[in-house]
């Protein structure tokens, strides 16, 4: 059976996994890396995959090394990391709220990051580093605000979703006001950032996000078993020894940090956090948050969307957020129709 749980034991320690989930992780990882190699070799200076791999290994021509290591590879690595962060954050949000619409796009955290970045662009005209800091700070402050408003002797999933939608509506208005205050050049820069783009991203964008992922992934993956218990309900989880509110606060903070870091690196790329966990769950057919499959699916989705964005229109590179918005928006409509037919909304 696809959902059969396998266990390996080493003395006091044990590792549990679903064979199908492990296969999904392996396939999506290989797919993401293969698309990444193709993306690095694409452009006005094309390189076959073998030359790309040889150059990354340090055996390529100096001209190839400049194009690969200094121009294209940072963009692709940033895309992989942003997709991984958003996929993991979306899985955490959806599991904690027990709602397929529980993603940073719907809950307002992405809009909060956008507000922070817009404030830096419009009010201070800051550098790229200041813009990234403003996005991260905006996302964190929005997360704290939503959690405080949703708290009532605990945080219920649907209350969190409803308050998040309300905060998102308010922040959308704030962002529109900030754009009206901007000079034309600042407004153009802000609109491009708001779309979500990997254009011009370097190692200074990828490395901070990598550090955040390395710091937070063990925390998120370590809470996987408790998340499965939490999906049974707060009372059942508490009866089985889970400190419900402590777990929810910790993992919500991790999800908000991942979302804010992803927005700081590439702007508010839409719908990856909504779509990746849903696709991962349908592929694995396994219960629980499916954090690792969601991470791999998110990385594959974003790097694939960026490759499509670079070649969808001849002679023009689209922001990756345009592609994820079109695909994710269509998926959201399908998801809402499915949930309505099932009688859940």
Protein backbone atom coordinates (compact mmCIF):
# COMPACT_ATOMS: atom_id res chain seq x y z
CA UNK A 1 0.00 0.00 0.00
CA UNK A 2 1.34 3.47 -0.91
CA UNK A 3 0.79 4.88 2.56
CA UNK A 4 2.54 2.00 4.40
CA UNK A 5 4.94 3.31 7.03
CA UNK A 6 8.39 1.70 7.20
CA UNK A 7 10.61 1.90 10.29
CA UNK A 8 14.34 1.33 10.70
CA UNK A 9 15.81 1.05 14.21
CA UNK A 10 19.32 1.59 15.56
CA UNK A 11 19.24 0.90 19.28
CA UNK A 12 17.19 3.67 20.90
CA UNK A 13 16.81 5.57 17.63
CA UNK A 14 14.36 4.99 14.80
CA UNK A 15 13.64 6.47 11.39
CA UNK A 16 10.17 6.31 9.84
CA UNK A 17 9.36 6.91 6.20
CA UNK A 18 6.79 6.17 3.52
CA UNK A 19 8.35 4.44 0.49
CA UNK A 20 6.21 6.47 -1.92
CA UNK A 21 7.14 9.74 -0.18
CA UNK A 22 10.82 8.81 -0.39
CA UNK A 23 10.41 8.12 -4.11
CA UNK A 24 8.70 11.49 -4.63
CA UNK A 25 11.56 13.26 -2.83
CA UNK A 26 14.15 11.47 -4.99
CA UNK A 27 12.34 12.12 -8.28
CA UNK A 28 11.63 15.80 -7.52
CA UNK A 29 15.22 16.36 -6.39
CA UNK A 30 16.60 14.87 -9.61
CA UNK A 31 14.06 16.84 -11.66
CA UNK A 32 14.91 20.12 -9.92
CA UNK A 33 18.66 19.59 -10.42
CA UNK A 34 18.20 18.57 -14.06
CA UNK A 35 16.11 21.67 -14.80
CA UNK A 36 18.69 23.77 -12.95
CA UNK A 37 21.49 22.45 -15.18
CA UNK A 38 19.41 23.20 -18.29
CA UNK A 39 18.66 26.70 -16.97
CA UNK A 40 22.34 27.42 -16.32
CA UNK A 41 23.14 26.40 -19.89
CA UNK A 42 20.35 28.49 -21.47
CA UNK A 43 20.69 32.01 -22.79
CA UNK A 44 22.50 34.03 -25.42
CA UNK A 45 25.66 32.08 -24.62
CA UNK A 46 24.31 28.48 -24.68
CA UNK A 47 26.15 25.63 -23.02
CA UNK A 48 25.33 21.92 -23.22
CA UNK A 49 24.64 20.18 -19.88
CA UNK A 50 27.97 18.32 -19.98
CA UNK A 51 29.88 21.62 -20.24
CA UNK A 52 27.80 23.10 -17.42
CA UNK A 53 28.63 20.20 -15.10
CA UNK A 54 32.30 20.30 -16.14
CA UNK A 55 32.44 24.04 -15.42
CA UNK A 56 30.78 23.70 -12.03
CA UNK A 57 33.35 21.01 -11.20
CA UNK A 58 36.11 23.55 -11.96
CA UNK A 59 37.28 22.07 -15.26
CA UNK A 60 35.62 24.41 -17.74
CA UNK A 61 36.94 27.16 -20.02
CA UNK A 62 37.52 30.52 -18.23
CA UNK A 63 34.79 32.19 -20.31
CA UNK A 64 32.37 29.39 -19.43
CA UNK A 65 33.36 29.68 -15.78
CA UNK A 66 32.47 33.38 -15.71
CA UNK A 67 29.08 32.85 -17.36
CA UNK A 68 28.19 29.85 -15.20
CA UNK A 69 29.64 30.69 -11.79
CA UNK A 70 29.22 34.47 -11.73
CA UNK A 71 26.14 35.13 -13.87
CA UNK A 72 23.75 32.18 -14.09
CA UNK A 73 24.44 29.82 -11.21
CA UNK A 74 23.61 32.36 -8.46
CA UNK A 75 20.22 32.99 -10.07
CA UNK A 76 19.41 29.29 -10.35
CA UNK A 77 20.60 28.49 -6.82
CA UNK A 78 18.51 31.39 -5.48
CA UNK A 79 15.51 29.98 -7.33
CA UNK A 80 16.03 26.51 -5.86
CA UNK A 81 16.37 27.92 -2.34
CA UNK A 82 13.36 30.24 -2.66
CA UNK A 83 11.22 27.37 -3.93
CA UNK A 84 12.41 25.12 -1.11
CA UNK A 85 11.71 27.78 1.52
CA UNK A 86 8.24 28.57 0.17
CA UNK A 87 7.32 24.89 -0.21
CA UNK A 88 8.32 24.18 3.40
CA UNK A 89 6.59 27.30 4.73
CA UNK A 90 3.39 26.47 2.84
CA UNK A 91 3.37 22.92 4.22
CA UNK A 92 3.79 24.24 7.76
CA UNK A 93 1.01 26.80 7.36
CA UNK A 94 -1.43 24.32 5.80
CA UNK A 95 -0.73 21.70 8.46
CA UNK A 96 -1.00 24.14 11.38
CA UNK A 97 -4.24 25.69 10.10
CA UNK A 98 -5.60 22.33 8.84
CA UNK A 99 -6.73 24.24 5.77
CA UNK A 100 -5.55 23.81 2.13
CA UNK A 101 -5.80 27.60 1.70
CA UNK A 102 -3.43 28.22 4.60
CA UNK A 103 -0.45 29.69 2.75
CA UNK A 104 1.52 32.93 3.17
CA UNK A 105 -0.11 34.29 -0.01
CA UNK A 106 -3.60 33.97 1.49
CA UNK A 107 -2.72 34.72 5.12
CA UNK A 108 -1.09 38.08 4.39
CA UNK A 109 2.53 37.31 5.27
CA UNK A 110 3.70 37.83 1.68
CA UNK A 111 1.88 41.17 1.57
CA UNK A 112 3.56 42.14 4.83
CA UNK A 113 6.98 41.46 3.34
CA UNK A 114 5.98 43.53 0.31
CA UNK A 115 4.91 46.40 2.56
CA UNK A 116 8.28 46.39 4.30
CA UNK A 117 10.16 46.44 1.01
CA UNK A 118 7.92 49.15 -0.45
CA UNK A 119 8.45 51.33 2.59
CA UNK A 120 12.22 51.09 2.06
CA UNK A 121 11.96 51.81 -1.68
CA UNK A 122 9.47 54.67 -1.45
CA UNK A 123 10.39 56.36 1.80
CA UNK A 124 14.14 55.75 1.93
CA UNK A 125 15.14 54.76 -1.62
CA UNK A 126 17.40 52.15 -0.08
CA UNK A 127 19.87 49.71 -1.56
CA UNK A 128 19.17 46.09 -2.39
CA UNK A 129 20.42 45.07 1.06
CA UNK A 130 18.07 47.54 2.76
CA UNK A 131 15.21 46.32 0.57
CA UNK A 132 15.84 42.71 1.64
CA UNK A 133 15.98 43.79 5.28
CA UNK A 134 12.74 45.72 4.92
CA UNK A 135 11.01 42.70 3.37
CA UNK A 136 12.18 40.40 6.16
CA UNK A 137 11.16 42.87 8.87
CA UNK A 138 7.76 43.47 7.24
CA UNK A 139 7.05 39.75 7.08
CA UNK A 140 8.02 39.21 10.71
CA UNK A 141 5.94 42.15 11.99
CA UNK A 142 2.94 40.96 9.97
CA UNK A 143 3.31 37.48 11.45
CA UNK A 144 3.41 38.88 14.98
CA UNK A 145 0.35 41.07 14.30
CA UNK A 146 -1.73 38.22 12.84
CA UNK A 147 -0.81 35.88 15.68
CA UNK A 148 -1.69 38.50 18.31
CA UNK A 149 -5.05 39.23 16.67
CA UNK A 150 -5.85 35.53 16.29
CA UNK A 151 -4.96 34.64 19.89
CA UNK A 152 -7.90 33.80 22.12
CA UNK A 153 -6.77 31.25 24.67
CA UNK A 154 -5.04 29.59 21.78
CA UNK A 155 -4.97 30.03 17.99
CA UNK A 156 -7.60 28.24 15.93
CA UNK A 157 -6.74 27.48 12.31
CA UNK A 158 -9.82 29.06 10.72
CA UNK A 159 -9.54 32.16 12.90
CA UNK A 160 -5.93 32.54 11.78
CA UNK A 161 -6.98 32.24 8.12
CA UNK A 162 -9.81 34.78 8.43
CA UNK A 163 -7.69 37.34 10.27
CA UNK A 164 -4.86 36.78 7.81
CA UNK A 165 -7.19 37.50 4.88
CA UNK A 166 -8.34 40.71 6.60
CA UNK A 167 -4.78 41.85 7.28
CA UNK A 168 -3.85 41.05 3.68
CA UNK A 169 -6.68 43.31 2.43
CA UNK A 170 -5.47 46.17 4.63
CA UNK A 171 -1.85 45.74 3.54
CA UNK A 172 -2.90 45.68 -0.12
CA UNK A 173 -4.36 49.15 0.39
CA UNK A 174 -1.22 50.31 2.21
CA UNK A 175 0.94 49.03 -0.66
CA UNK A 176 -1.21 50.88 -3.18
CA UNK A 177 -0.83 54.09 -1.17
CA UNK A 178 2.95 53.69 -0.98
CA UNK A 179 3.11 53.26 -4.75
CA UNK A 180 1.20 56.52 -5.26
CA UNK A 181 3.78 58.29 -3.10
CA UNK A 182 6.72 57.03 -5.15
CA UNK A 183 8.58 58.75 -7.94
CA UNK A 184 8.14 57.12 -11.35
CA UNK A 185 11.54 55.39 -11.26
CA UNK A 186 10.97 54.15 -7.71
CA UNK A 187 7.47 52.96 -8.62
CA UNK A 188 8.84 50.98 -11.58
CA UNK A 189 11.45 49.35 -9.37
CA UNK A 190 8.82 48.57 -6.74
CA UNK A 191 6.38 47.03 -9.23
CA UNK A 192 9.11 44.78 -10.65
CA UNK A 193 10.02 43.65 -7.14
CA UNK A 194 6.36 43.07 -6.21
CA UNK A 195 5.96 40.72 -9.18
CA UNK A 196 8.68 38.43 -7.86
CA UNK A 197 11.83 38.12 -9.92
CA UNK A 198 15.16 36.29 -9.95
CA UNK A 199 16.70 38.68 -12.48
CA UNK A 200 20.12 39.91 -11.40
CA UNK A 201 20.26 37.79 -8.25
CA UNK A 202 23.76 37.02 -7.02
CA UNK A 203 25.39 35.06 -4.24
CA UNK A 204 24.53 37.87 -1.83
CA UNK A 205 20.87 36.85 -2.27
CA UNK A 206 21.40 33.08 -2.14
CA UNK A 207 23.75 32.71 0.83
CA UNK A 208 21.61 34.45 3.51
CA UNK A 209 18.60 32.36 2.43
CA UNK A 210 20.72 29.21 2.58
CA UNK A 211 21.74 30.11 6.14
CA UNK A 212 18.07 30.55 7.14
CA UNK A 213 17.15 27.19 5.60
CA UNK A 214 20.03 25.39 7.33
CA UNK A 215 18.99 26.92 10.67
CA UNK A 216 15.23 26.32 10.40
CA UNK A 217 14.85 23.06 8.48
CA UNK A 218 15.95 20.82 11.38
CA UNK A 219 13.43 22.60 13.60
CA UNK A 220 10.63 22.16 11.05
CA UNK A 221 11.44 18.54 10.21
CA UNK A 222 11.85 17.71 13.88
CA UNK A 223 8.24 18.76 14.47
CA UNK A 224 6.87 16.46 11.76
CA UNK A 225 5.54 13.77 14.10
CA UNK A 226 3.94 16.35 16.41
CA UNK A 227 2.33 18.01 13.37
CA UNK A 228 0.72 14.70 12.40
CA UNK A 229 -0.74 14.46 15.90
CA UNK A 230 -1.87 18.10 15.77
CA UNK A 231 -3.86 17.42 12.61
CA UNK A 232 -6.03 15.06 14.73
CA UNK A 233 -7.14 18.08 16.79
CA UNK A 234 -5.71 20.10 19.67
CA UNK A 235 -7.31 17.99 22.40
CA UNK A 236 -6.13 14.69 20.94
CA UNK A 237 -2.61 16.03 20.42
CA UNK A 238 -2.45 17.41 23.97
CA UNK A 239 -3.64 14.08 25.35
CA UNK A 240 -0.74 12.39 23.52
CA UNK A 241 1.81 14.73 25.09
CA UNK A 242 2.12 17.54 22.51
CA UNK A 243 2.49 21.05 23.90
CA UNK A 244 0.05 22.45 21.38
CA UNK A 245 0.46 26.21 21.66
CA UNK A 246 4.22 26.02 22.12
CA UNK A 247 4.51 23.85 19.00
CA UNK A 248 2.18 26.06 16.99
CA UNK A 249 4.02 29.26 17.95
CA UNK A 250 7.43 27.74 17.21
CA UNK A 251 6.50 26.33 13.81
CA UNK A 252 4.51 29.43 12.82
CA UNK A 253 7.59 31.52 13.61
CA UNK A 254 9.72 29.19 11.49
CA UNK A 255 7.24 29.42 8.59
CA UNK A 256 7.10 33.22 8.81
CA UNK A 257 10.91 33.44 8.85
CA UNK A 258 11.16 31.18 5.80
CA UNK A 259 8.57 33.28 3.95
CA UNK A 260 10.26 36.55 4.87
CA UNK A 261 13.69 35.26 3.85
CA UNK A 262 12.34 34.02 0.51
CA UNK A 263 10.67 37.40 -0.13
CA UNK A 264 13.89 39.20 0.77
CA UNK A 265 15.78 37.11 -1.80
CA UNK A 266 13.37 37.21 -4.76
CA UNK A 267 10.35 39.33 -3.90
CA UNK A 268 6.88 38.00 -3.09
CA UNK A 269 6.76 35.09 -5.56
CA UNK A 270 3.13 34.03 -5.50
CA UNK A 271 1.36 30.67 -5.18
CA UNK A 272 4.40 28.38 -4.80
CA UNK A 273 3.70 28.05 -1.07
CA UNK A 274 0.06 27.23 -1.84
CA UNK A 275 0.64 24.79 -4.67
CA UNK A 276 3.75 22.82 -3.66
CA UNK A 277 2.34 21.21 -0.47
CA UNK A 278 -0.88 20.24 -2.24
CA UNK A 279 1.00 18.62 -5.10
CA UNK A 280 3.34 16.88 -2.65
CA UNK A 281 0.44 15.42 -0.68
CA UNK A 282 -1.28 14.17 -3.83
CA UNK A 283 1.95 12.61 -5.10
CA UNK A 284 2.93 10.92 -1.84
CA UNK A 285 -0.61 9.95 -0.71
CA UNK A 286 0.84 10.04 2.79
CA UNK A 287 -0.64 11.67 5.90
CA UNK A 288 1.02 14.52 7.72
CA UNK A 289 2.65 17.75 6.59
CA UNK A 290 4.93 16.12 3.96
CA UNK A 291 7.58 18.75 4.68
CA UNK A 292 10.48 17.22 2.76
CA UNK A 293 8.40 16.36 -0.34
CA UNK A 294 6.93 19.89 -0.27
CA UNK A 295 10.45 21.33 -0.13
CA UNK A 296 11.56 19.34 -3.18
CA UNK A 297 8.37 20.04 -5.14
CA UNK A 298 8.67 23.77 -4.36
CA UNK A 299 12.27 23.88 -5.58
CA UNK A 300 11.38 22.03 -8.80
CA UNK A 301 8.34 24.26 -9.40
CA UNK A 302 10.19 27.53 -9.02
CA UNK A 303 13.27 26.68 -11.06
CA UNK A 304 11.01 25.24 -13.77
CA UNK A 305 8.84 28.37 -13.74
CA UNK A 306 11.93 30.57 -14.03
CA UNK A 307 13.20 28.57 -17.01
CA UNK A 308 9.79 28.96 -18.66
CA UNK A 309 9.76 32.69 -17.85
CA UNK A 310 13.08 33.14 -19.65
CA UNK A 311 11.84 31.52 -22.87
CA UNK A 312 8.05 32.05 -22.91
CA UNK A 313 8.35 35.34 -24.83
CA UNK A 314 10.98 35.68 -27.56
CA UNK A 315 13.50 38.41 -26.82
CA UNK A 316 12.11 39.18 -23.36
CA UNK A 317 12.67 37.67 -19.90
CA UNK A 318 9.54 37.65 -17.76
CA UNK A 319 9.62 37.84 -13.96
CA UNK A 320 9.16 34.38 -12.50
CA UNK A 321 6.20 35.67 -10.47
CA UNK A 322 4.21 36.11 -13.70
CA UNK A 323 4.47 32.39 -14.46
CA UNK A 324 3.81 31.21 -10.90
CA UNK A 325 0.87 33.62 -10.67
CA UNK A 326 -0.75 32.26 -13.84
CA UNK A 327 -0.20 28.60 -12.93
CA UNK A 328 -0.96 29.05 -9.23
CA UNK A 329 -4.07 31.13 -9.88
CA UNK A 330 -5.49 28.44 -12.14
CA UNK A 331 -4.66 25.84 -9.50
CA UNK A 332 -6.38 27.92 -6.79
CA UNK A 333 -9.58 28.11 -8.86
CA UNK A 334 -9.47 24.33 -9.36
CA UNK A 335 -8.83 23.76 -5.64
CA UNK A 336 -11.76 25.98 -4.61
CA UNK A 337 -14.06 24.18 -7.04
CA UNK A 338 -12.89 20.81 -5.68
CA UNK A 339 -13.39 21.87 -2.07
CA UNK A 340 -16.87 23.20 -2.90
CA UNK A 341 -17.91 19.95 -4.56
CA UNK A 342 -16.65 18.07 -1.52
CA UNK A 343 -18.79 20.29 0.70
CA UNK A 344 -15.85 21.69 2.70
CA UNK A 345 -16.47 25.33 1.77
